[in-house]
Amino acid sequence: MADVKIRAPSPFWPRLAAAFAFAAPVAARGEGAEFQCFPMAETRHLIADRRLADPFASMQAASSAAHAEPIAAKLCRDRDALVYEISMLRRDGRVLRIYLDATNGQPHPGHK
């Protein structure tokens, strides 16, 4: 019978896994402080409470201007401003995201 040696796992892999486990939440927290999207219930409340622009009308206007099919609209906070993140599907299959100022439905100056 052949001699089979069993190697102990390298101490490198547990350290690498731990590094990824700690790095991902830290990176997400840093990004979340600047840009955060709201859940649907809170979105409805904010639209009614702050009298924001109609998200469906904004989505339709943006999709016709971009010649793309609207997919979704989310209300998000970008630093101190409320913006709609409008996702659209272009005819070439690419997803396009446009950011509109939620107060007036105009393009948000902080995004392309």
PDB file of N, CA and C in Angstrom:
ATOM      1  N   MET A   1       0.838  -1.170   0.000  1.00  0.00           N
ATOM      2  CA  MET A   1       0.000   0.000   0.000  1.00  0.00           C
ATOM      3  C   MET A   1       0.885   1.234   0.000  1.00  0.00           C
ATOM      4  N   ALA A   2       0.536   2.236  -0.768  1.00  0.00           N
ATOM      5  CA  ALA A   2       1.339   3.453  -0.901  1.00  0.00           C
ATOM      6  C   ALA A   2       1.202   4.305   0.350  1.00  0.00           C
ATOM      7  N   ASP A   3       2.284   4.977   0.644  1.00  0.00           N
ATOM      8  CA  ASP A   3       2.277   5.899   1.787  1.00  0.00           C
ATOM      9  C   ASP A   3       1.590   7.199   1.374  1.00  0.00           C
ATOM     10  N   VAL A   4       0.532   7.581   2.042  1.00  0.00           N
ATOM     11  CA  VAL A   4      -0.184   8.817   1.746  1.00  0.00           C
ATOM     12  C   VAL A   4       0.025   9.762   2.912  1.00  0.00           C
ATOM     13  N   LYS A   5       0.523  10.938   2.575  1.00  0.00           N
ATOM     14  CA  LYS A   5       0.738  11.937   3.619  1.00  0.00           C
ATOM     15  C   LYS A   5      -0.405  12.945   3.583  1.00  0.00           C
ATOM     16  N   ILE A   6      -0.917  13.239   4.739  1.00  0.00           N
ATOM     17  CA  ILE A   6      -1.980  14.231   4.837  1.00  0.00           C
ATOM     18  C   ILE A   6      -1.368  15.512   5.364  1.00  0.00           C
ATOM     19  N   ARG A   7      -1.572  16.571   4.587  1.00  0.00           N
ATOM     20  CA  ARG A   7      -1.022  17.872   4.985  1.00  0.00           C
ATOM     21  C   ARG A   7      -2.049  18.648   5.783  1.00  0.00           C
ATOM     22  N   ALA A   8      -1.558  19.366   6.731  1.00  0.00           N
ATOM     23  CA  ALA A   8      -2.433  20.269   7.484  1.00  0.00           C
ATOM     24  C   ALA A   8      -2.759  21.461   6.589  1.00  0.00           C
ATOM     25  N   PRO A   9      -3.963  21.999   6.696  1.00  0.00           N
ATOM     26  CA  PRO A   9      -4.307  23.159   5.869  1.00  0.00           C
ATOM     27  C   PRO A   9      -3.382  24.335   6.159  1.00  0.00           C
ATOM     28  N   SER A  10      -3.108  25.076   5.127  1.00  0.00           N
ATOM     29  CA  SER A  10      -2.236  26.238   5.261  1.00  0.00           C
ATOM     30  C   SER A  10      -2.916  27.308   6.106  1.00  0.00           C
ATOM     31  N   PRO A  11      -2.177  27.986   6.978  1.00  0.00           N
ATOM     32  CA  PRO A  11      -2.782  29.046   7.782  1.00  0.00           C
ATOM     33  C   PRO A  11      -3.133  30.275   6.940  1.00  0.00           C
ATOM     34  N   PHE A  12      -2.726  30.291   5.677  1.00  0.00           N
ATOM     35  CA  PHE A  12      -3.004  31.411   4.788  1.00  0.00           C
ATOM     36  C   PHE A  12      -4.500  31.542   4.498  1.00  0.00           C
ATOM     37  N   TRP A  13      -5.190  30.449   4.207  1.00  0.00           N
ATOM     38  CA  TRP A  13      -6.588  30.490   3.786  1.00  0.00           C
ATOM     39  C   TRP A  13      -7.531  31.026   4.855  1.00  0.00           C
ATOM     40  N   PRO A  14      -7.404  30.609   6.121  1.00  0.00           N
ATOM     41  CA  PRO A  14      -8.302  31.214   7.123  1.00  0.00           C
ATOM     42  C   PRO A  14      -8.097  32.719   7.257  1.00  0.00           C
ATOM     43  N   ARG A  15      -6.857  33.167   7.133  1.00  0.00           N
ATOM     44  CA  ARG A  15      -6.600  34.609   7.223  1.00  0.00           C
ATOM     45  C   ARG A  15      -7.196  35.349   6.036  1.00  0.00           C
ATOM     46  N   LEU A  16      -7.093  34.748   4.869  1.00  0.00           N
ATOM     47  CA  LEU A  16      -7.662  35.374   3.678  1.00  0.00           C
ATOM     48  C   LEU A  16      -9.188  35.461   3.793  1.00  0.00           C
ATOM     49  N   ALA A  17      -9.815  34.389   4.240  1.00  0.00           N
ATOM     50  CA  ALA A  17     -11.270  34.396   4.414  1.00  0.00           C
ATOM     51  C   ALA A  17     -11.689  35.438   5.449  1.00  0.00           C
ATOM     52  N   ALA A  18     -10.944  35.549   6.523  1.00  0.00           N
ATOM     53  CA  ALA A  18     -11.260  36.541   7.556  1.00  0.00           C
ATOM     54  C   ALA A  18     -11.111  37.959   7.013  1.00  0.00           C
ATOM     55  N   ALA A  19     -10.107  38.178   6.175  1.00  0.00           N
ATOM     56  CA  ALA A  19      -9.902  39.512   5.598  1.00  0.00           C
ATOM     57  C   ALA A  19     -11.094  39.911   4.737  1.00  0.00           C
ATOM     58  N   PHE A  20     -11.593  38.977   3.915  1.00  0.00           N
ATOM     59  CA  PHE A  20     -12.757  39.280   3.088  1.00  0.00           C
ATOM     60  C   PHE A  20     -14.008  39.474   3.935  1.00  0.00           C
ATOM     61  N   ALA A  21     -14.150  38.692   4.979  1.00  0.00           N
ATOM     62  CA  ALA A  21     -15.331  38.806   5.838  1.00  0.00           C
ATOM     63  C   ALA A  21     -15.398  40.169   6.515  1.00  0.00           C
ATOM     64  N   PHE A  22     -14.249  40.725   6.889  1.00  0.00           N
ATOM     65  CA  PHE A  22     -14.245  42.024   7.547  1.00  0.00           C
ATOM     66  C   PHE A  22     -14.213  43.179   6.560  1.00  0.00           C
ATOM     67  N   ALA A  23     -13.644  42.987   5.389  1.00  0.00           N
ATOM     68  CA  ALA A  23     -13.507  44.080   4.425  1.00  0.00           C
ATOM     69  C   ALA A  23     -14.832  44.425   3.760  1.00  0.00           C
ATOM     70  N   ALA A  24     -15.653  43.441   3.444  1.00  0.00           N
ATOM     71  CA  ALA A  24     -16.905  43.704   2.734  1.00  0.00           C
ATOM     72  C   ALA A  24     -17.855  44.600   3.523  1.00  0.00           C
ATOM     73  N   PRO A  25     -18.138  44.325   4.811  1.00  0.00           N
ATOM     74  CA  PRO A  25     -19.038  45.235   5.534  1.00  0.00           C
ATOM     75  C   PRO A  25     -18.476  46.637   5.696  1.00  0.00           C
ATOM     76  N   VAL A  26     -17.169  46.763   5.850  1.00  0.00           N
ATOM     77  CA  VAL A  26     -16.567  48.091   5.994  1.00  0.00           C
ATOM     78  C   VAL A  26     -16.721  48.873   4.702  1.00  0.00           C
ATOM     79  N   ALA A  27     -16.496  48.222   3.567  1.00  0.00           N
ATOM     80  CA  ALA A  27     -16.647  48.898   2.276  1.00  0.00           C
ATOM     81  C   ALA A  27     -18.102  49.286   2.044  1.00  0.00           C
ATOM     82  N   ALA A  28     -19.026  48.420   2.403  1.00  0.00           N
ATOM     83  CA  ALA A  28     -20.441  48.727   2.202  1.00  0.00           C
ATOM     84  C   ALA A  28     -20.879  49.892   3.082  1.00  0.00           C
ATOM     85  N   ARG A  29     -20.378  49.952   4.315  1.00  0.00           N
ATOM     86  CA  ARG A  29     -20.749  51.044   5.205  1.00  0.00           C
ATOM     87  C   ARG A  29     -20.255  52.374   4.669  1.00  0.00           C
ATOM     88  N   GLY A  30     -19.058  52.408   4.108  1.00  0.00           N
ATOM     89  CA  GLY A  30     -18.516  53.657   3.581  1.00  0.00           C
ATOM     90  C   GLY A  30     -19.331  54.174   2.415  1.00  0.00           C
ATOM     91  N   GLU A  31     -19.778  53.277   1.559  1.00  0.00           N
ATOM     92  CA  GLU A  31     -20.575  53.688   0.408  1.00  0.00           C
ATOM     93  C   GLU A  31     -21.990  54.055   0.830  1.00  0.00           C
ATOM     94  N   GLY A  32     -22.548  53.323   1.776  1.00  0.00           N
ATOM     95  CA  GLY A  32     -23.921  53.542   2.203  1.00  0.00           C
ATOM     96  C   GLY A  32     -24.138  54.893   2.847  1.00  0.00           C
ATOM     97  N   ALA A  33     -23.082  55.490   3.392  1.00  0.00           N
ATOM     98  CA  ALA A  33     -23.228  56.783   4.047  1.00  0.00           C
ATOM     99  C   ALA A  33     -23.552  57.873   3.029  1.00  0.00           C
ATOM    100  N   GLU A  34     -23.063  57.739   1.810  1.00  0.00           N
ATOM    101  CA  GLU A  34     -23.300  58.749   0.790  1.00  0.00           C
ATOM    102  C   GLU A  34     -24.565  58.471  -0.025  1.00  0.00           C
ATOM    103  N   PHE A  35     -24.834  57.207  -0.331  1.00  0.00           N
ATOM    104  CA  PHE A  35     -25.941  56.852  -1.212  1.00  0.00           C
ATOM    105  C   PHE A  35     -26.714  55.697  -0.593  1.00  0.00           C
ATOM    106  N   GLN A  36     -27.995  55.919  -0.309  1.00  0.00           N
ATOM    107  CA  GLN A  36     -28.815  54.899   0.333  1.00  0.00           C
ATOM    108  C   GLN A  36     -30.203  54.920  -0.280  1.00  0.00           C
ATOM    109  N   CYS A  37     -30.701  53.754  -0.707  1.00  0.00           N
ATOM    110  CA  CYS A  37     -32.052  53.661  -1.255  1.00  0.00           C
ATOM    111  C   CYS A  37     -33.018  53.206  -0.163  1.00  0.00           C
ATOM    112  N   PHE A  38     -34.246  53.708  -0.241  1.00  0.00           N
ATOM    113  CA  PHE A  38     -35.252  53.441   0.779  1.00  0.00           C
ATOM    114  C   PHE A  38     -36.114  52.245   0.401  1.00  0.00           C
ATOM    115  N   PRO A  39     -36.643  51.525   1.399  1.00  0.00           N
ATOM    116  CA  PRO A  39     -37.615  50.464   1.106  1.00  0.00           C
ATOM    117  C   PRO A  39     -38.935  51.074   0.620  1.00  0.00           C
ATOM    118  N   MET A  40     -39.784  50.243   0.015  1.00  0.00           N
ATOM    119  CA  MET A  40     -41.007  50.729  -0.623  1.00  0.00           C
ATOM    120  C   MET A  40     -41.928  51.467   0.349  1.00  0.00           C
ATOM    121  N   ALA A  41     -42.119  50.950   1.555  1.00  0.00           N
ATOM    122  CA  ALA A  41     -43.029  51.600   2.512  1.00  0.00           C
ATOM    123  C   ALA A  41     -42.534  52.994   2.880  1.00  0.00           C
ATOM    124  N   GLU A  42     -41.245  53.115   3.109  1.00  0.00           N
ATOM    125  CA  GLU A  42     -40.685  54.425   3.449  1.00  0.00           C
ATOM    126  C   GLU A  42     -40.719  55.360   2.244  1.00  0.00           C
ATOM    127  N   THR A  43     -40.560  54.801   1.046  1.00  0.00           N
ATOM    128  CA  THR A  43     -40.642  55.603  -0.175  1.00  0.00           C
ATOM    129  C   THR A  43     -42.023  56.234  -0.307  1.00  0.00           C
ATOM    130  N   ARG A  44     -43.063  55.436  -0.110  1.00  0.00           N
ATOM    131  CA  ARG A  44     -44.435  55.978  -0.197  1.00  0.00           C
ATOM    132  C   ARG A  44     -44.642  57.099   0.812  1.00  0.00           C
ATOM    133  N   HIS A  45     -44.155  56.883   2.029  1.00  0.00           N
ATOM    134  CA  HIS A  45     -44.312  57.885   3.088  1.00  0.00           C
ATOM    135  C   HIS A  45     -43.583  59.184   2.722  1.00  0.00           C
ATOM    136  N   LEU A  46     -42.342  59.075   2.237  1.00  0.00           N
ATOM    137  CA  LEU A  46     -41.569  60.268   1.887  1.00  0.00           C
ATOM    138  C   LEU A  46     -42.182  61.022   0.711  1.00  0.00           C
ATOM    139  N   ILE A  47     -42.703  60.297  -0.276  1.00  0.00           N
ATOM    140  CA  ILE A  47     -43.327  60.951  -1.434  1.00  0.00           C
ATOM    141  C   ILE A  47     -44.534  61.764  -0.989  1.00  0.00           C
ATOM    142  N   ALA A  48     -45.357  61.185  -0.129  1.00  0.00           N
ATOM    143  CA  ALA A  48     -46.551  61.894   0.350  1.00  0.00           C
ATOM    144  C   ALA A  48     -46.192  63.020   1.309  1.00  0.00           C
ATOM    145  N   ASP A  49     -45.258  62.759   2.216  1.00  0.00           N
ATOM    146  CA  ASP A  49     -44.912  63.732   3.253  1.00  0.00           C
ATOM    147  C   ASP A  49     -44.189  64.955   2.691  1.00  0.00           C
ATOM    148  N   ARG A  50     -43.279  64.730   1.758  1.00  0.00           N
ATOM    149  CA  ARG A  50     -42.472  65.839   1.222  1.00  0.00           C
ATOM    150  C   ARG A  50     -42.967  66.344  -0.126  1.00  0.00           C
ATOM    151  N   ARG A  51     -44.070  65.798  -0.593  1.00  0.00           N
ATOM    152  CA  ARG A  51     -44.660  66.203  -1.878  1.00  0.00           C
ATOM    153  C   ARG A  51     -43.636  66.155  -3.015  1.00  0.00           C
ATOM    154  N   LEU A  52     -43.034  64.986  -3.149  1.00  0.00           N
ATOM    155  CA  LEU A  52     -42.024  64.786  -4.188  1.00  0.00           C
ATOM    156  C   LEU A  52     -42.699  64.576  -5.537  1.00  0.00           C
ATOM    157  N   ALA A  53     -41.906  64.672  -6.592  1.00  0.00           N
ATOM    158  CA  ALA A  53     -42.411  64.455  -7.949  1.00  0.00           C
ATOM    159  C   ALA A  53     -42.916  63.019  -8.083  1.00  0.00           C
ATOM    160  N   ASP A  54     -43.891  62.831  -8.956  1.00  0.00           N
ATOM    161  CA  ASP A  54     -44.456  61.501  -9.191  1.00  0.00           C
ATOM    162  C   ASP A  54     -43.385  60.603  -9.812  1.00  0.00           C
ATOM    163  N   PRO A  55     -43.029  59.488  -9.162  1.00  0.00           N
ATOM    164  CA  PRO A  55     -41.954  58.649  -9.697  1.00  0.00           C
ATOM    165  C   PRO A  55     -42.312  58.000 -11.034  1.00  0.00           C
ATOM    166  N   PHE A  56     -43.591  57.672 -11.247  1.00  0.00           N
ATOM    167  CA  PHE A  56     -43.979  57.027 -12.501  1.00  0.00           C
ATOM    168  C   PHE A  56     -43.930  58.000 -13.670  1.00  0.00           C
ATOM    169  N   ALA A  57     -44.368  59.223 -13.449  1.00  0.00           N
ATOM    170  CA  ALA A  57     -44.280  60.236 -14.505  1.00  0.00           C
ATOM    171  C   ALA A  57     -42.820  60.547 -14.821  1.00  0.00           C
ATOM    172  N   SER A  58     -41.987  60.630 -13.794  1.00  0.00           N
ATOM    173  CA  SER A  58     -40.556  60.883 -14.003  1.00  0.00           C
ATOM    174  C   SER A  58     -39.915  59.736 -14.766  1.00  0.00           C
ATOM    175  N   MET A  59     -40.306  58.495 -14.421  1.00  0.00           N
ATOM    176  CA  MET A  59     -39.753  57.320 -15.088  1.00  0.00           C
ATOM    177  C   MET A  59     -40.174  57.290 -16.557  1.00  0.00           C
ATOM    178  N   GLN A  60     -41.429  57.609 -16.846  1.00  0.00           N
ATOM    179  CA  GLN A  60     -41.903  57.618 -18.230  1.00  0.00           C
ATOM    180  C   GLN A  60     -41.208  58.700 -19.050  1.00  0.00           C
ATOM    181  N   ALA A  61     -41.043  59.891 -18.476  1.00  0.00           N
ATOM    182  CA  ALA A  61     -40.370  60.976 -19.193  1.00  0.00           C
ATOM    183  C   ALA A  61     -38.915  60.619 -19.475  1.00  0.00           C
ATOM    184  N   ALA A  62     -38.234  60.047 -18.492  1.00  0.00           N
ATOM    185  CA  ALA A  62     -36.829  59.670 -18.681  1.00  0.00           C
ATOM    186  C   ALA A  62     -36.692  58.560 -19.716  1.00  0.00           C
ATOM    187  N   SER A  63     -37.605  57.594 -19.701  1.00  0.00           N
ATOM    188  CA  SER A  63     -37.503  56.483 -20.649  1.00  0.00           C
ATOM    189  C   SER A  63     -37.778  56.935 -22.080  1.00  0.00           C
ATOM    190  N   SER A  64     -38.716  57.857 -22.266  1.00  0.00           N
ATOM    191  CA  SER A  64     -38.964  58.331 -23.634  1.00  0.00           C
ATOM    192  C   SER A  64     -37.809  59.199 -24.128  1.00  0.00           C
ATOM    193  N   ALA A  65     -37.190  59.972 -23.242  1.00  0.00           N
ATOM    194  CA  ALA A  65     -36.039  60.788 -23.642  1.00  0.00           C
ATOM    195  C   ALA A  65     -34.828  59.920 -23.976  1.00  0.00           C
ATOM    196  N   ALA A  66     -34.666  58.800 -23.279  1.00  0.00           N
ATOM    197  CA  ALA A  66     -33.507  57.928 -23.499  1.00  0.00           C
ATOM    198  C   ALA A  66     -33.787  56.835 -24.525  1.00  0.00           C
ATOM    199  N   HIS A  67     -35.016  56.774 -25.045  1.00  0.00           N
ATOM    200  CA  HIS A  67     -35.422  55.725 -25.986  1.00  0.00           C
ATOM    201  C   HIS A  67     -35.119  54.349 -25.406  1.00  0.00           C
ATOM    202  N   ALA A  68     -35.601  54.130 -24.176  1.00  0.00           N
ATOM    203  CA  ALA A  68     -35.365  52.870 -23.478  1.00  0.00           C
ATOM    204  C   ALA A  68     -36.631  52.459 -22.739  1.00  0.00           C
ATOM    205  N   GLU A  69     -36.708  51.183 -22.401  1.00  0.00           N
ATOM    206  CA  GLU A  69     -37.861  50.634 -21.686  1.00  0.00           C
ATOM    207  C   GLU A  69     -37.642  50.767 -20.182  1.00  0.00           C
ATOM    208  N   PRO A  70     -38.571  51.405 -19.456  1.00  0.00           N
ATOM    209  CA  PRO A  70     -38.377  51.551 -18.007  1.00  0.00           C
ATOM    210  C   PRO A  70     -38.474  50.205 -17.296  1.00  0.00           C
ATOM    211  N   ILE A  71     -37.579  49.993 -16.334  1.00  0.00           N
ATOM    212  CA  ILE A  71     -37.570  48.748 -15.557  1.00  0.00           C
ATOM    213  C   ILE A  71     -38.012  49.010 -14.124  1.00  0.00           C
ATOM    214  N   ALA A  72     -37.373  49.986 -13.471  1.00  0.00           N
ATOM    215  CA  ALA A  72     -37.655  50.233 -12.051  1.00  0.00           C
ATOM    216  C   ALA A  72     -37.287  51.658 -11.681  1.00  0.00           C
ATOM    217  N   ALA A  73     -37.892  52.103 -10.590  1.00  0.00           N
ATOM    218  CA  ALA A  73     -37.554  53.406 -10.012  1.00  0.00           C
ATOM    219  C   ALA A  73     -37.418  53.228  -8.511  1.00  0.00           C
ATOM    220  N   LYS A  74     -36.366  53.787  -7.941  1.00  0.00           N
ATOM    221  CA  LYS A  74     -36.138  53.737  -6.496  1.00  0.00           C
ATOM    222  C   LYS A  74     -35.908  55.145  -5.986  1.00  0.00           C
ATOM    223  N   LEU A  75     -36.384  55.407  -4.777  1.00  0.00           N
ATOM    224  CA  LEU A  75     -36.090  56.675  -4.120  1.00  0.00           C
ATOM    225  C   LEU A  75     -34.860  56.462  -3.254  1.00  0.00           C
ATOM    226  N   CYS A  76     -33.861  57.321  -3.445  1.00  0.00           N
ATOM    227  CA  CYS A  76     -32.600  57.177  -2.721  1.00  0.00           C
ATOM    228  C   CYS A  76     -32.171  58.520  -2.147  1.00  0.00           C
ATOM    229  N   ARG A  77     -31.328  58.451  -1.146  1.00  0.00           N
ATOM    230  CA  ARG A  77     -30.720  59.658  -0.582  1.00  0.00           C
ATOM    231  C   ARG A  77     -29.274  59.699  -1.081  1.00  0.00           C
ATOM    232  N   ASP A  78     -28.926  60.783  -1.743  1.00  0.00           N
ATOM    233  CA  ASP A  78     -27.561  61.016  -2.208  1.00  0.00           C
ATOM    234  C   ASP A  78     -27.029  62.207  -1.429  1.00  0.00           C
ATOM    235  N   ARG A  79     -26.253  61.916  -0.426  1.00  0.00           N
ATOM    236  CA  ARG A  79     -25.781  62.908   0.555  1.00  0.00           C
ATOM    237  C   ARG A  79     -26.995  63.579   1.199  1.00  0.00           C
ATOM    238  N   ASP A  80     -27.302  64.822   0.863  1.00  0.00           N
ATOM    239  CA  ASP A  80     -28.441  65.519   1.470  1.00  0.00           C
ATOM    240  C   ASP A  80     -29.640  65.632   0.536  1.00  0.00           C
ATOM    241  N   ALA A  81     -29.536  65.119  -0.678  1.00  0.00           N
ATOM    242  CA  ALA A  81     -30.615  65.255  -1.659  1.00  0.00           C
ATOM    243  C   ALA A  81     -31.368  63.937  -1.827  1.00  0.00           C
ATOM    244  N   LEU A  82     -32.638  64.038  -2.159  1.00  0.00           N
ATOM    245  CA  LEU A  82     -33.435  62.865  -2.505  1.00  0.00           C
ATOM    246  C   LEU A  82     -33.462  62.756  -4.025  1.00  0.00           C
ATOM    247  N   VAL A  83     -33.123  61.572  -4.531  1.00  0.00           N
ATOM    248  CA  VAL A  83     -33.074  61.348  -5.977  1.00  0.00           C
ATOM    249  C   VAL A  83     -33.827  60.066  -6.321  1.00  0.00           C
ATOM    250  N   TYR A  84     -34.360  60.036  -7.538  1.00  0.00           N
ATOM    251  CA  TYR A  84     -34.922  58.801  -8.072  1.00  0.00           C
ATOM    252  C   TYR A  84     -33.840  58.141  -8.908  1.00  0.00           C
ATOM    253  N   GLU A  85     -33.584  56.856  -8.645  1.00  0.00           N
ATOM    254  CA  GLU A  85     -32.687  56.066  -9.483  1.00  0.00           C
ATOM    255  C   GLU A  85     -33.583  55.308 -10.455  1.00  0.00           C
ATOM    256  N   ILE A  86     -33.543  55.697 -11.718  1.00  0.00           N
ATOM    257  CA  ILE A  86     -34.389  55.101 -12.748  1.00  0.00           C
ATOM    258  C   ILE A  86     -33.543  54.119 -13.549  1.00  0.00           C
ATOM    259  N   SER A  87     -33.962  52.852 -13.581  1.00  0.00           N
ATOM    260  CA  SER A  87     -33.282  51.825 -14.373  1.00  0.00           C
ATOM    261  C   SER A  87     -34.086  51.585 -15.637  1.00  0.00           C
ATOM    262  N   MET A  88     -33.376  51.547 -16.774  1.00  0.00           N
ATOM    263  CA  MET A  88     -34.032  51.352 -18.064  1.00  0.00           C
ATOM    264  C   MET A  88     -33.236  50.359 -18.897  1.00  0.00           C
ATOM    265  N   LEU A  89     -33.927  49.670 -19.776  1.00  0.00           N
ATOM    266  CA  LEU A  89     -33.301  48.711 -20.671  1.00  0.00           C
ATOM    267  C   LEU A  89     -33.260  49.310 -22.068  1.00  0.00           C
ATOM    268  N   ARG A  90     -32.033  49.474 -22.588  1.00  0.00           N
ATOM    269  CA  ARG A  90     -31.891  50.016 -23.940  1.00  0.00           C
ATOM    270  C   ARG A  90     -32.134  48.925 -24.968  1.00  0.00           C
ATOM    271  N   ARG A  91     -32.291  49.312 -26.199  1.00  0.00           N
ATOM    272  CA  ARG A  91     -32.570  48.347 -27.271  1.00  0.00           C
ATOM    273  C   ARG A  91     -31.402  47.408 -27.537  1.00  0.00           C
ATOM    274  N   ASP A  92     -30.190  47.850 -27.179  1.00  0.00           N
ATOM    275  CA  ASP A  92     -29.027  46.983 -27.379  1.00  0.00           C
ATOM    276  C   ASP A  92     -28.826  46.015 -26.211  1.00  0.00           C
ATOM    277  N   GLY A  93     -29.744  46.016 -25.227  1.00  0.00           N
ATOM    278  CA  GLY A  93     -29.678  45.085 -24.111  1.00  0.00           C
ATOM    279  C   GLY A  93     -28.956  45.596 -22.877  1.00  0.00           C
ATOM    280  N   ARG A  94     -28.421  46.789 -22.944  1.00  0.00           N
ATOM    281  CA  ARG A  94     -27.696  47.340 -21.797  1.00  0.00           C
ATOM    282  C   ARG A  94     -28.664  48.038 -20.847  1.00  0.00           C
ATOM    283  N   VAL A  95     -28.352  47.932 -19.549  1.00  0.00           N
ATOM    284  CA  VAL A  95     -29.156  48.610 -18.531  1.00  0.00           C
ATOM    285  C   VAL A  95     -28.578  49.994 -18.308  1.00  0.00           C
ATOM    286  N   LEU A  96     -29.441  50.975 -18.325  1.00  0.00           N
ATOM    287  CA  LEU A  96     -29.058  52.370 -18.164  1.00  0.00           C
ATOM    288  C   LEU A  96     -29.670  52.878 -16.870  1.00  0.00           C
ATOM    289  N   ARG A  97     -28.893  53.593 -16.069  1.00  0.00           N
ATOM    290  CA  ARG A  97     -29.409  54.189 -14.837  1.00  0.00           C
ATOM    291  C   ARG A  97     -29.307  55.703 -14.938  1.00  0.00           C
ATOM    292  N   ILE A  98     -30.424  56.363 -14.676  1.00  0.00           N
ATOM    293  CA  ILE A  98     -30.482  57.819 -14.695  1.00  0.00           C
ATOM    294  C   ILE A  98     -30.940  58.272 -13.316  1.00  0.00           C
ATOM    295  N   TYR A  99     -30.356  59.351 -12.836  1.00  0.00           N
ATOM    296  CA  TYR A  99     -30.690  59.883 -11.517  1.00  0.00           C
ATOM    297  C   TYR A  99     -31.402  61.220 -11.685  1.00  0.00           C
ATOM    298  N   LEU A 100     -32.608  61.307 -11.119  1.00  0.00           N
ATOM    299  CA  LEU A 100     -33.417  62.517 -11.212  1.00  0.00           C
ATOM    300  C   LEU A 100     -33.635  63.096  -9.825  1.00  0.00           C
ATOM    301  N   ASP A 101     -33.655  64.416  -9.753  1.00  0.00           N
ATOM    302  CA  ASP A 101     -33.967  65.094  -8.500  1.00  0.00           C
ATOM    303  C   ASP A 101     -35.417  64.762  -8.154  1.00  0.00           C
ATOM    304  N   ALA A 102     -35.644  64.221  -6.966  1.00  0.00           N
ATOM    305  CA  ALA A 102     -36.989  63.777  -6.588  1.00  0.00           C
ATOM    306  C   ALA A 102     -37.942  64.934  -6.321  1.00  0.00           C
ATOM    307  N   THR A 103     -37.420  66.126  -6.094  1.00  0.00           N
ATOM    308  CA  THR A 103     -38.308  67.255  -5.812  1.00  0.00           C
ATOM    309  C   THR A 103     -38.954  67.811  -7.077  1.00  0.00           C
ATOM    310  N   ASN A 104     -38.233  67.747  -8.217  1.00  0.00           N
ATOM    311  CA  ASN A 104     -38.784  68.347  -9.437  1.00  0.00           C
ATOM    312  C   ASN A 104     -38.733  67.436 -10.667  1.00  0.00           C
ATOM    313  N   GLY A 105     -38.129  66.264 -10.574  1.00  0.00           N
ATOM    314  CA  GLY A 105     -38.069  65.338 -11.697  1.00  0.00           C
ATOM    315  C   GLY A 105     -37.019  65.668 -12.738  1.00  0.00           C
ATOM    316  N   GLN A 106     -36.193  66.681 -12.500  1.00  0.00           N
ATOM    317  CA  GLN A 106     -35.132  67.071 -13.436  1.00  0.00           C
ATOM    318  C   GLN A 106     -33.872  66.242 -13.172  1.00  0.00           C
ATOM    319  N   PRO A 107     -32.973  66.129 -14.157  1.00  0.00           N
ATOM    320  CA  PRO A 107     -31.724  65.384 -13.931  1.00  0.00           C
ATOM    321  C   PRO A 107     -30.965  65.927 -12.723  1.00  0.00           C
ATOM    322  N   HIS A 108     -30.446  65.007 -11.931  1.00  0.00           N
ATOM    323  CA  HIS A 108     -29.703  65.396 -10.728  1.00  0.00           C
ATOM    324  C   HIS A 108     -28.307  65.841 -11.150  1.00  0.00           C
ATOM    325  N   PRO A 109     -27.854  67.021 -10.706  1.00  0.00           N
ATOM    326  CA  PRO A 109     -26.564  67.550 -11.165  1.00  0.00           C
ATOM    327  C   PRO A 109     -25.357  66.733 -10.721  1.00  0.00           C
ATOM    328  N   GLY A 110     -25.488  65.902  -9.699  1.00  0.00           N
ATOM    329  CA  GLY A 110     -24.346  65.128  -9.209  1.00  0.00           C
ATOM    330  C   GLY A 110     -24.076  63.868  -9.996  1.00  0.00           C
ATOM    331  N   HIS A 111     -24.940  63.533 -10.973  1.00  0.00           N
ATOM    332  CA  HIS A 111     -24.787  62.302 -11.750  1.00  0.00           C
ATOM    333  C   HIS A 111     -24.825  62.627 -13.227  1.00  0.00           C
ATOM    334  N   LYS A 112     -24.232  61.711 -14.014  1.00  0.00           N
ATOM    335  CA  LYS A 112     -24.232  61.875 -15.471  1.00  0.00           C
ATOM    336  C   LYS A 112     -25.583  61.540 -16.033  1.00  0.00           C
TER     337      LYS A 112
END
